[in-house]
């Protein structure tokens, strides 16, 4: 889809590639702290909840992220799409 949009915008020599880019941190708890401090989109999604429900949601997020913690620390799955073109 991104390649199509670039072509329609007048780019040529268009391409795109998906790259694995796991988020690595010491622990899942550190990831949750980072998300609580930094991820505005998460805060917007949770804004409509009552305070107790927000805390419950953060607990659920922490529980789910803990699945990605191992002996080498936390490695949350993430992919980036890198696209290019010449105008």
PDB file of N, CA and C in Angstrom:
ATOM      1  N   UNK A   1       0.835  -1.183   0.000  1.00  0.00           N
ATOM      2  CA  UNK A   1       0.000   0.000   0.000  1.00  0.00           C
ATOM      3  C   UNK A   1       0.886   1.256   0.000  1.00  0.00           C
ATOM      4  N   UNK A   2       1.944   1.256   0.793  1.00  0.00           N
ATOM      5  CA  UNK A   2       2.819   2.418   0.853  1.00  0.00           C
ATOM      6  C   UNK A   2       3.485   2.662  -0.495  1.00  0.00           C
ATOM      7  N   UNK A   3       3.908   1.586  -1.153  1.00  0.00           N
ATOM      8  CA  UNK A   3       4.521   1.731  -2.470  1.00  0.00           C
ATOM      9  C   UNK A   3       3.535   2.340  -3.463  1.00  0.00           C
ATOM     10  N   UNK A   4       2.286   1.902  -3.429  1.00  0.00           N
ATOM     11  CA  UNK A   4       1.256   2.442  -4.309  1.00  0.00           C
ATOM     12  C   UNK A   4       1.066   3.932  -4.056  1.00  0.00           C
ATOM     13  N   UNK A   5       1.009   4.301  -2.789  1.00  0.00           N
ATOM     14  CA  UNK A   5       0.836   5.725  -2.446  1.00  0.00           C
ATOM     15  C   UNK A   5       2.005   6.563  -2.947  1.00  0.00           C
ATOM     16  N   UNK A   6       3.224   6.039  -2.820  1.00  0.00           N
ATOM     17  CA  UNK A   6       4.394   6.769  -3.300  1.00  0.00           C
ATOM     18  C   UNK A   6       4.346   6.930  -4.819  1.00  0.00           C
ATOM     19  N   UNK A   7       3.978   5.864  -5.526  1.00  0.00           N
ATOM     20  CA  UNK A   7       3.867   5.956  -6.989  1.00  0.00           C
ATOM     21  C   UNK A   7       2.804   6.980  -7.386  1.00  0.00           C
ATOM     22  N   UNK A   8       1.657   6.936  -6.701  1.00  0.00           N
ATOM     23  CA  UNK A   8       0.575   7.885  -7.017  1.00  0.00           C
ATOM     24  C   UNK A   8       0.974   9.321  -6.701  1.00  0.00           C
ATOM     25  N   UNK A   9       1.940   9.497  -5.802  1.00  0.00           N
ATOM     26  CA  UNK A   9       2.432  10.840  -5.471  1.00  0.00           C
ATOM     27  C   UNK A   9       3.535  11.290  -6.426  1.00  0.00           C
ATOM     28  N   UNK A  10       3.843  10.437  -7.431  1.00  0.00           N
ATOM     29  CA  UNK A  10       4.811  10.835  -8.447  1.00  0.00           C
ATOM     30  C   UNK A  10       6.223  10.327  -8.231  1.00  0.00           C
ATOM     31  N   UNK A  11       6.429   9.448  -7.283  1.00  0.00           N
ATOM     32  CA  UNK A  11       7.763   8.892  -7.066  1.00  0.00           C
ATOM     33  C   UNK A  11       8.008   7.748  -8.048  1.00  0.00           C
ATOM     34  N   UNK A  12       9.273   7.522  -8.371  1.00  0.00           N
ATOM     35  CA  UNK A  12       9.667   6.384  -9.192  1.00  0.00           C
ATOM     36  C   UNK A  12      10.731   5.603  -8.441  1.00  0.00           C
ATOM     37  N   UNK A  13      11.144   4.483  -8.985  1.00  0.00           N
ATOM     38  CA  UNK A  13      12.110   3.609  -8.302  1.00  0.00           C
ATOM     39  C   UNK A  13      11.667   3.346  -6.865  1.00  0.00           C
ATOM     40  N   UNK A  14      10.401   3.033  -6.718  1.00  0.00           N
ATOM     41  CA  UNK A  14       9.769   2.864  -5.404  1.00  0.00           C
ATOM     42  C   UNK A  14      10.009   1.453  -4.885  1.00  0.00           C
ATOM     43  N   UNK A  15      10.187   1.363  -3.593  1.00  0.00           N
ATOM     44  CA  UNK A  15      10.298   0.059  -2.947  1.00  0.00           C
ATOM     45  C   UNK A  15       9.975   0.183  -1.472  1.00  0.00           C
ATOM     46  N   UNK A  16       9.810  -0.955  -0.846  1.00  0.00           N
ATOM     47  CA  UNK A  16       9.546  -0.977   0.601  1.00  0.00           C
ATOM     48  C   UNK A  16      10.018  -2.315   1.144  1.00  0.00           C
ATOM     49  N   UNK A  17      10.431  -2.299   2.379  1.00  0.00           N
ATOM     50  CA  UNK A  17      10.892  -3.518   3.035  1.00  0.00           C
ATOM     51  C   UNK A  17      10.472  -3.466   4.501  1.00  0.00           C
ATOM     52  N   UNK A  18      10.042  -4.603   4.997  1.00  0.00           N
ATOM     53  CA  UNK A  18       9.713  -4.731   6.420  1.00  0.00           C
ATOM     54  C   UNK A  18      10.940  -5.266   7.144  1.00  0.00           C
ATOM     55  N   UNK A  19      11.286  -4.623   8.244  1.00  0.00           N
ATOM     56  CA  UNK A  19      12.476  -4.985   9.013  1.00  0.00           C
ATOM     57  C   UNK A  19      12.063  -5.289  10.451  1.00  0.00           C
ATOM     58  N   UNK A  20      12.518  -6.418  10.958  1.00  0.00           N
ATOM     59  CA  UNK A  20      12.315  -6.708  12.378  1.00  0.00           C
ATOM     60  C   UNK A  20      13.129  -5.723  13.200  1.00  0.00           C
ATOM     61  N   UNK A  21      12.493  -5.115  14.184  1.00  0.00           N
ATOM     62  CA  UNK A  21      13.162  -4.138  15.048  1.00  0.00           C
ATOM     63  C   UNK A  21      12.641  -4.294  16.473  1.00  0.00           C
ATOM     64  N   UNK A  22      12.971  -5.423  17.127  1.00  0.00           N
ATOM     65  CA  UNK A  22      12.429  -5.644  18.472  1.00  0.00           C
ATOM     66  C   UNK A  22      12.869  -4.551  19.443  1.00  0.00           C
ATOM     67  N   UNK A  23      11.964  -4.213  20.331  1.00  0.00           N
ATOM     68  CA  UNK A  23      12.267  -3.253  21.383  1.00  0.00           C
ATOM     69  C   UNK A  23      12.934  -4.027  22.512  1.00  0.00           C
ATOM     70  N   UNK A  24      14.188  -3.710  22.786  1.00  0.00           N
ATOM     71  CA  UNK A  24      14.951  -4.423  23.817  1.00  0.00           C
ATOM     72  C   UNK A  24      15.158  -3.513  25.022  1.00  0.00           C
ATOM     73  N   UNK A  25      14.824  -4.050  26.175  1.00  0.00           N
ATOM     74  CA  UNK A  25      14.986  -3.328  27.437  1.00  0.00           C
ATOM     75  C   UNK A  25      15.385  -4.351  28.498  1.00  0.00           C
ATOM     76  N   UNK A  26      15.879  -3.872  29.638  1.00  0.00           N
ATOM     77  CA  UNK A  26      16.292  -4.823  30.680  1.00  0.00           C
ATOM     78  C   UNK A  26      15.160  -5.721  31.175  1.00  0.00           C
ATOM     79  N   UNK A  27      13.957  -5.149  31.331  1.00  0.00           N
ATOM     80  CA  UNK A  27      12.823  -5.912  31.857  1.00  0.00           C
ATOM     81  C   UNK A  27      11.527  -5.421  31.220  1.00  0.00           C
ATOM     82  N   UNK A  28      10.498  -6.243  31.331  1.00  0.00           N
ATOM     83  CA  UNK A  28       9.173  -5.826  30.873  1.00  0.00           C
ATOM     84  C   UNK A  28       8.662  -4.654  31.708  1.00  0.00           C
ATOM     85  N   UNK A  29       8.970  -4.654  32.991  1.00  0.00           N
ATOM     86  CA  UNK A  29       8.545  -3.549  33.862  1.00  0.00           C
ATOM     87  C   UNK A  29       9.154  -2.229  33.401  1.00  0.00           C
ATOM     88  N   UNK A  30      10.398  -2.267  32.931  1.00  0.00           N
ATOM     89  CA  UNK A  30      11.041  -1.061  32.411  1.00  0.00           C
ATOM     90  C   UNK A  30      10.327  -0.594  31.140  1.00  0.00           C
ATOM     91  N   UNK A  31       9.873  -1.531  30.327  1.00  0.00           N
ATOM     92  CA  UNK A  31       9.126  -1.176  29.126  1.00  0.00           C
ATOM     93  C   UNK A  31       7.811  -0.492  29.497  1.00  0.00           C
ATOM     94  N   UNK A  32       7.117  -1.025  30.488  1.00  0.00           N
ATOM     95  CA  UNK A  32       5.860  -0.420  30.927  1.00  0.00           C
ATOM     96  C   UNK A  32       6.109   0.995  31.452  1.00  0.00           C
ATOM     97  N   UNK A  33       7.165   1.170  32.231  1.00  0.00           N
ATOM     98  CA  UNK A  33       7.504   2.508  32.740  1.00  0.00           C
ATOM     99  C   UNK A  33       7.745   3.464  31.574  1.00  0.00           C
ATOM    100  N   UNK A  34       8.507   3.012  30.585  1.00  0.00           N
ATOM    101  CA  UNK A  34       8.790   3.814  29.400  1.00  0.00           C
ATOM    102  C   UNK A  34       7.497   4.182  28.674  1.00  0.00           C
ATOM    103  N   UNK A  35       6.619   3.201  28.482  1.00  0.00           N
ATOM    104  CA  UNK A  35       5.354   3.462  27.798  1.00  0.00           C
ATOM    105  C   UNK A  35       4.474   4.426  28.582  1.00  0.00           C
ATOM    106  N   UNK A  36       4.444   4.277  29.878  1.00  0.00           N
ATOM    107  CA  UNK A  36       3.617   5.175  30.704  1.00  0.00           C
ATOM    108  C   UNK A  36       4.115   6.605  30.618  1.00  0.00           C
ATOM    109  N   UNK A  37       5.423   6.773  30.468  1.00  0.00           N
ATOM    110  CA  UNK A  37       6.006   8.111  30.419  1.00  0.00           C
ATOM    111  C   UNK A  37       6.015   8.713  29.016  1.00  0.00           C
ATOM    112  N   UNK A  38       5.975   7.866  27.984  1.00  0.00           N
ATOM    113  CA  UNK A  38       6.265   8.363  26.649  1.00  0.00           C
ATOM    114  C   UNK A  38       5.183   8.198  25.600  1.00  0.00           C
ATOM    115  N   UNK A  39       4.325   7.212  25.708  1.00  0.00           N
ATOM    116  CA  UNK A  39       3.438   6.868  24.608  1.00  0.00           C
ATOM    117  C   UNK A  39       2.115   7.619  24.712  1.00  0.00           C
ATOM    118  N   UNK A  40       2.076   8.786  24.097  1.00  0.00           N
ATOM    119  CA  UNK A  40       0.876   9.606  24.120  1.00  0.00           C
ATOM    120  C   UNK A  40      -0.348   8.894  23.549  1.00  0.00           C
ATOM    121  N   UNK A  41      -0.141   8.067  22.527  1.00  0.00           N
ATOM    122  CA  UNK A  41      -1.271   7.368  21.915  1.00  0.00           C
ATOM    123  C   UNK A  41      -1.935   6.434  22.920  1.00  0.00           C
ATOM    124  N   UNK A  42      -1.147   5.757  23.737  1.00  0.00           N
ATOM    125  CA  UNK A  42      -1.729   4.887  24.767  1.00  0.00           C
ATOM    126  C   UNK A  42      -2.527   5.702  25.770  1.00  0.00           C
ATOM    127  N   UNK A  43      -1.996   6.836  26.155  1.00  0.00           N
ATOM    128  CA  UNK A  43      -2.709   7.684  27.115  1.00  0.00           C
ATOM    129  C   UNK A  43      -4.035   8.167  26.522  1.00  0.00           C
ATOM    130  N   UNK A  44      -4.035   8.487  25.234  1.00  0.00           N
ATOM    131  CA  UNK A  44      -5.282   8.913  24.593  1.00  0.00           C
ATOM    132  C   UNK A  44      -6.293   7.779  24.567  1.00  0.00           C
ATOM    133  N   UNK A  45      -5.830   6.560  24.272  1.00  0.00           N
ATOM    134  CA  UNK A  45      -6.739   5.419  24.230  1.00  0.00           C
ATOM    135  C   UNK A  45      -7.342   5.128  25.595  1.00  0.00           C
ATOM    136  N   UNK A  46      -6.581   5.364  26.646  1.00  0.00           N
ATOM    137  CA  UNK A  46      -7.047   5.056  27.998  1.00  0.00           C
ATOM    138  C   UNK A  46      -7.772   6.231  28.658  1.00  0.00           C
ATOM    139  N   UNK A  47      -7.761   7.387  28.027  1.00  0.00           N
ATOM    140  CA  UNK A  47      -8.291   8.607  28.640  1.00  0.00           C
ATOM    141  C   UNK A  47      -9.768   8.505  29.003  1.00  0.00           C
ATOM    142  N   UNK A  48     -10.535   7.731  28.271  1.00  0.00           N
ATOM    143  CA  UNK A  48     -11.959   7.628  28.537  1.00  0.00           C
ATOM    144  C   UNK A  48     -12.316   6.707  29.691  1.00  0.00           C
ATOM    145  N   UNK A  49     -11.314   6.052  30.252  1.00  0.00           N
ATOM    146  CA  UNK A  49     -11.568   5.137  31.367  1.00  0.00           C
ATOM    147  C   UNK A  49     -11.492   5.861  32.702  1.00  0.00           C
ATOM    148  N   UNK A  50     -12.204   5.342  33.665  1.00  0.00           N
ATOM    149  CA  UNK A  50     -12.087   5.854  35.035  1.00  0.00           C
ATOM    150  C   UNK A  50     -10.683   5.511  35.545  1.00  0.00           C
ATOM    151  N   UNK A  51     -10.165   6.263  36.518  1.00  0.00           N
ATOM    152  CA  UNK A  51      -8.807   6.015  37.015  1.00  0.00           C
ATOM    153  C   UNK A  51      -8.541   4.553  37.403  1.00  0.00           C
ATOM    154  N   UNK A  52      -9.474   3.920  38.066  1.00  0.00           N
ATOM    155  CA  UNK A  52      -9.269   2.520  38.464  1.00  0.00           C
ATOM    156  C   UNK A  52      -9.192   1.618  37.234  1.00  0.00           C
ATOM    157  N   UNK A  53      -9.990   1.918  36.217  1.00  0.00           N
ATOM    158  CA  UNK A  53      -9.961   1.122  34.993  1.00  0.00           C
ATOM    159  C   UNK A  53      -8.650   1.334  34.237  1.00  0.00           C
ATOM    160  N   UNK A  54      -8.126   2.564  34.276  1.00  0.00           N
ATOM    161  CA  UNK A  54      -6.837   2.831  33.638  1.00  0.00           C
ATOM    162  C   UNK A  54      -5.739   2.013  34.293  1.00  0.00           C
ATOM    163  N   UNK A  55      -5.740   1.978  35.621  1.00  0.00           N
ATOM    164  CA  UNK A  55      -4.732   1.185  36.334  1.00  0.00           C
ATOM    165  C   UNK A  55      -4.881  -0.294  36.015  1.00  0.00           C
ATOM    166  N   UNK A  56      -6.111  -0.749  35.891  1.00  0.00           N
ATOM    167  CA  UNK A  56      -6.363  -2.145  35.516  1.00  0.00           C
ATOM    168  C   UNK A  56      -5.813  -2.418  34.111  1.00  0.00           C
ATOM    169  N   UNK A  57      -5.998  -1.468  33.207  1.00  0.00           N
ATOM    170  CA  UNK A  57      -5.475  -1.624  31.843  1.00  0.00           C
ATOM    171  C   UNK A  57      -3.952  -1.686  31.855  1.00  0.00           C
ATOM    172  N   UNK A  58      -3.309  -0.814  32.634  1.00  0.00           N
ATOM    173  CA  UNK A  58      -1.845  -0.837  32.724  1.00  0.00           C
ATOM    174  C   UNK A  58      -1.352  -2.155  33.319  1.00  0.00           C
ATOM    175  N   UNK A  59      -2.080  -2.694  34.265  1.00  0.00           N
ATOM    176  CA  UNK A  59      -1.715  -3.997  34.836  1.00  0.00           C
ATOM    177  C   UNK A  59      -1.813  -5.081  33.762  1.00  0.00           C
ATOM    178  N   UNK A  60      -2.862  -5.018  32.974  1.00  0.00           N
ATOM    179  CA  UNK A  60      -3.020  -5.995  31.895  1.00  0.00           C
ATOM    180  C   UNK A  60      -1.904  -5.844  30.862  1.00  0.00           C
ATOM    181  N   UNK A  61      -1.544  -4.618  30.531  1.00  0.00           N
ATOM    182  CA  UNK A  61      -0.438  -4.369  29.603  1.00  0.00           C
ATOM    183  C   UNK A  61       0.850  -4.968  30.159  1.00  0.00           C
ATOM    184  N   UNK A  62       1.116  -4.733  31.439  1.00  0.00           N
ATOM    185  CA  UNK A  62       2.323  -5.277  32.074  1.00  0.00           C
ATOM    186  C   UNK A  62       2.318  -6.802  32.028  1.00  0.00           C
ATOM    187  N   UNK A  63       1.183  -7.410  32.318  1.00  0.00           N
ATOM    188  CA  UNK A  63       1.075  -8.874  32.286  1.00  0.00           C
ATOM    189  C   UNK A  63       1.368  -9.420  30.893  1.00  0.00           C
ATOM    190  N   UNK A  64       0.814  -8.778  29.882  1.00  0.00           N
ATOM    191  CA  UNK A  64       1.022  -9.241  28.510  1.00  0.00           C
ATOM    192  C   UNK A  64       2.469  -9.039  28.062  1.00  0.00           C
ATOM    193  N   UNK A  65       3.061  -7.907  28.420  1.00  0.00           N
ATOM    194  CA  UNK A  65       4.445  -7.648  28.023  1.00  0.00           C
ATOM    195  C   UNK A  65       5.420  -8.591  28.721  1.00  0.00           C
ATOM    196  N   UNK A  66       5.062  -9.076  29.899  1.00  0.00           N
ATOM    197  CA  UNK A  66       5.935  -9.999  30.638  1.00  0.00           C
ATOM    198  C   UNK A  66       6.197 -11.272  29.836  1.00  0.00           C
ATOM    199  N   UNK A  67       5.314 -11.611  28.899  1.00  0.00           N
ATOM    200  CA  UNK A  67       5.507 -12.801  28.064  1.00  0.00           C
ATOM    201  C   UNK A  67       6.758 -12.692  27.198  1.00  0.00           C
ATOM    202  N   UNK A  68       7.235 -11.470  26.969  1.00  0.00           N
ATOM    203  CA  UNK A  68       8.377 -11.248  26.094  1.00  0.00           C
ATOM    204  C   UNK A  68       9.681 -11.049  26.875  1.00  0.00           C
ATOM    205  N   UNK A  69       9.643 -11.365  28.156  1.00  0.00           N
ATOM    206  CA  UNK A  69      10.836 -11.240  28.982  1.00  0.00           C
ATOM    207  C   UNK A  69      11.476 -12.621  29.144  1.00  0.00           C
ATOM    208  N   UNK A  70      12.779 -12.663  28.957  1.00  0.00           N
ATOM    209  CA  UNK A  70      13.500 -13.921  29.091  1.00  0.00           C
ATOM    210  C   UNK A  70      14.822 -13.704  29.791  1.00  0.00           C
ATOM    211  N   UNK A  71      15.685 -14.674  29.688  1.00  0.00           N
ATOM    212  CA  UNK A  71      16.972 -14.595  30.380  1.00  0.00           C
ATOM    213  C   UNK A  71      17.848 -13.464  29.855  1.00  0.00           C
ATOM    214  N   UNK A  72      17.603 -13.025  28.624  1.00  0.00           N
ATOM    215  CA  UNK A  72      18.364 -11.910  28.050  1.00  0.00           C
ATOM    216  C   UNK A  72      17.646 -10.575  28.207  1.00  0.00           C
ATOM    217  N   UNK A  73      16.581 -10.533  28.993  1.00  0.00           N
ATOM    218  CA  UNK A  73      15.830  -9.301  29.200  1.00  0.00           C
ATOM    219  C   UNK A  73      14.558  -9.285  28.376  1.00  0.00           C
ATOM    220  N   UNK A  74      14.041  -8.111  28.150  1.00  0.00           N
ATOM    221  CA  UNK A  74      12.789  -7.921  27.430  1.00  0.00           C
ATOM    222  C   UNK A  74      13.088  -7.671  25.958  1.00  0.00           C
ATOM    223  N   UNK A  75      12.353  -8.356  25.070  1.00  0.00           N
ATOM    224  CA  UNK A  75      12.459  -8.129  23.626  1.00  0.00           C
ATOM    225  C   UNK A  75      11.047  -8.133  23.063  1.00  0.00           C
ATOM    226  N   UNK A  76      10.454  -6.949  22.984  1.00  0.00           N
ATOM    227  CA  UNK A  76       9.096  -6.822  22.463  1.00  0.00           C
ATOM    228  C   UNK A  76       9.102  -6.812  20.944  1.00  0.00           C
ATOM    229  N   UNK A  77       8.209  -7.577  20.324  1.00  0.00           N
ATOM    230  CA  UNK A  77       8.191  -7.630  18.863  1.00  0.00           C
ATOM    231  C   UNK A  77       7.801  -6.284  18.264  1.00  0.00           C
ATOM    232  N   UNK A  78       8.486  -5.955  17.201  1.00  0.00           N
ATOM    233  CA  UNK A  78       8.205  -4.704  16.504  1.00  0.00           C
ATOM    234  C   UNK A  78       8.722  -4.841  15.077  1.00  0.00           C
ATOM    235  N   UNK A  79       8.013  -4.264  14.138  1.00  0.00           N
ATOM    236  CA  UNK A  79       8.455  -4.219  12.753  1.00  0.00           C
ATOM    237  C   UNK A  79       8.402  -2.782  12.265  1.00  0.00           C
ATOM    238  N   UNK A  80       9.343  -2.440  11.415  1.00  0.00           N
ATOM    239  CA  UNK A  80       9.368  -1.144  10.763  1.00  0.00           C
ATOM    240  C   UNK A  80       9.206  -1.358   9.262  1.00  0.00           C
ATOM    241  N   UNK A  81       8.507  -0.464   8.614  1.00  0.00           N
ATOM    242  CA  UNK A  81       8.431  -0.491   7.168  1.00  0.00           C
ATOM    243  C   UNK A  81       9.286   0.664   6.664  1.00  0.00           C
ATOM    244  N   UNK A  82      10.316   0.330   5.910  1.00  0.00           N
ATOM    245  CA  UNK A  82      11.208   1.325   5.326  1.00  0.00           C
ATOM    246  C   UNK A  82      10.843   1.418   3.855  1.00  0.00           C
ATOM    247  N   UNK A  83      10.524   2.611   3.410  1.00  0.00           N
ATOM    248  CA  UNK A  83      10.110   2.811   2.022  1.00  0.00           C
ATOM    249  C   UNK A  83      11.001   3.876   1.384  1.00  0.00           C
ATOM    250  N   UNK A  84      11.115   3.803   0.057  1.00  0.00           N
ATOM    251  CA  UNK A  84      11.943   4.743  -0.639  1.00  0.00           C
ATOM    252  C   UNK A  84      11.364   5.004  -2.030  1.00  0.00           C
ATOM    253  N   UNK A  85      11.840   6.097  -2.601  1.00  0.00           N
ATOM    254  CA  UNK A  85      11.456   6.457  -3.954  1.00  0.00           C
ATOM    255  C   UNK A  85      12.233   7.688  -4.388  1.00  0.00           C
ATOM    256  N   UNK A  86      12.245   7.927  -5.670  1.00  0.00           N
ATOM    257  CA  UNK A  86      12.938   9.085  -6.236  1.00  0.00           C
ATOM    258  C   UNK A  86      11.905   9.999  -6.873  1.00  0.00           C
ATOM    259  N   UNK A  87      12.013  11.270  -6.619  1.00  0.00           N
ATOM    260  CA  UNK A  87      11.045  12.221  -7.177  1.00  0.00           C
ATOM    261  C   UNK A  87      11.724  13.017  -8.268  1.00  0.00           C
TER     262      UNK A  87
END
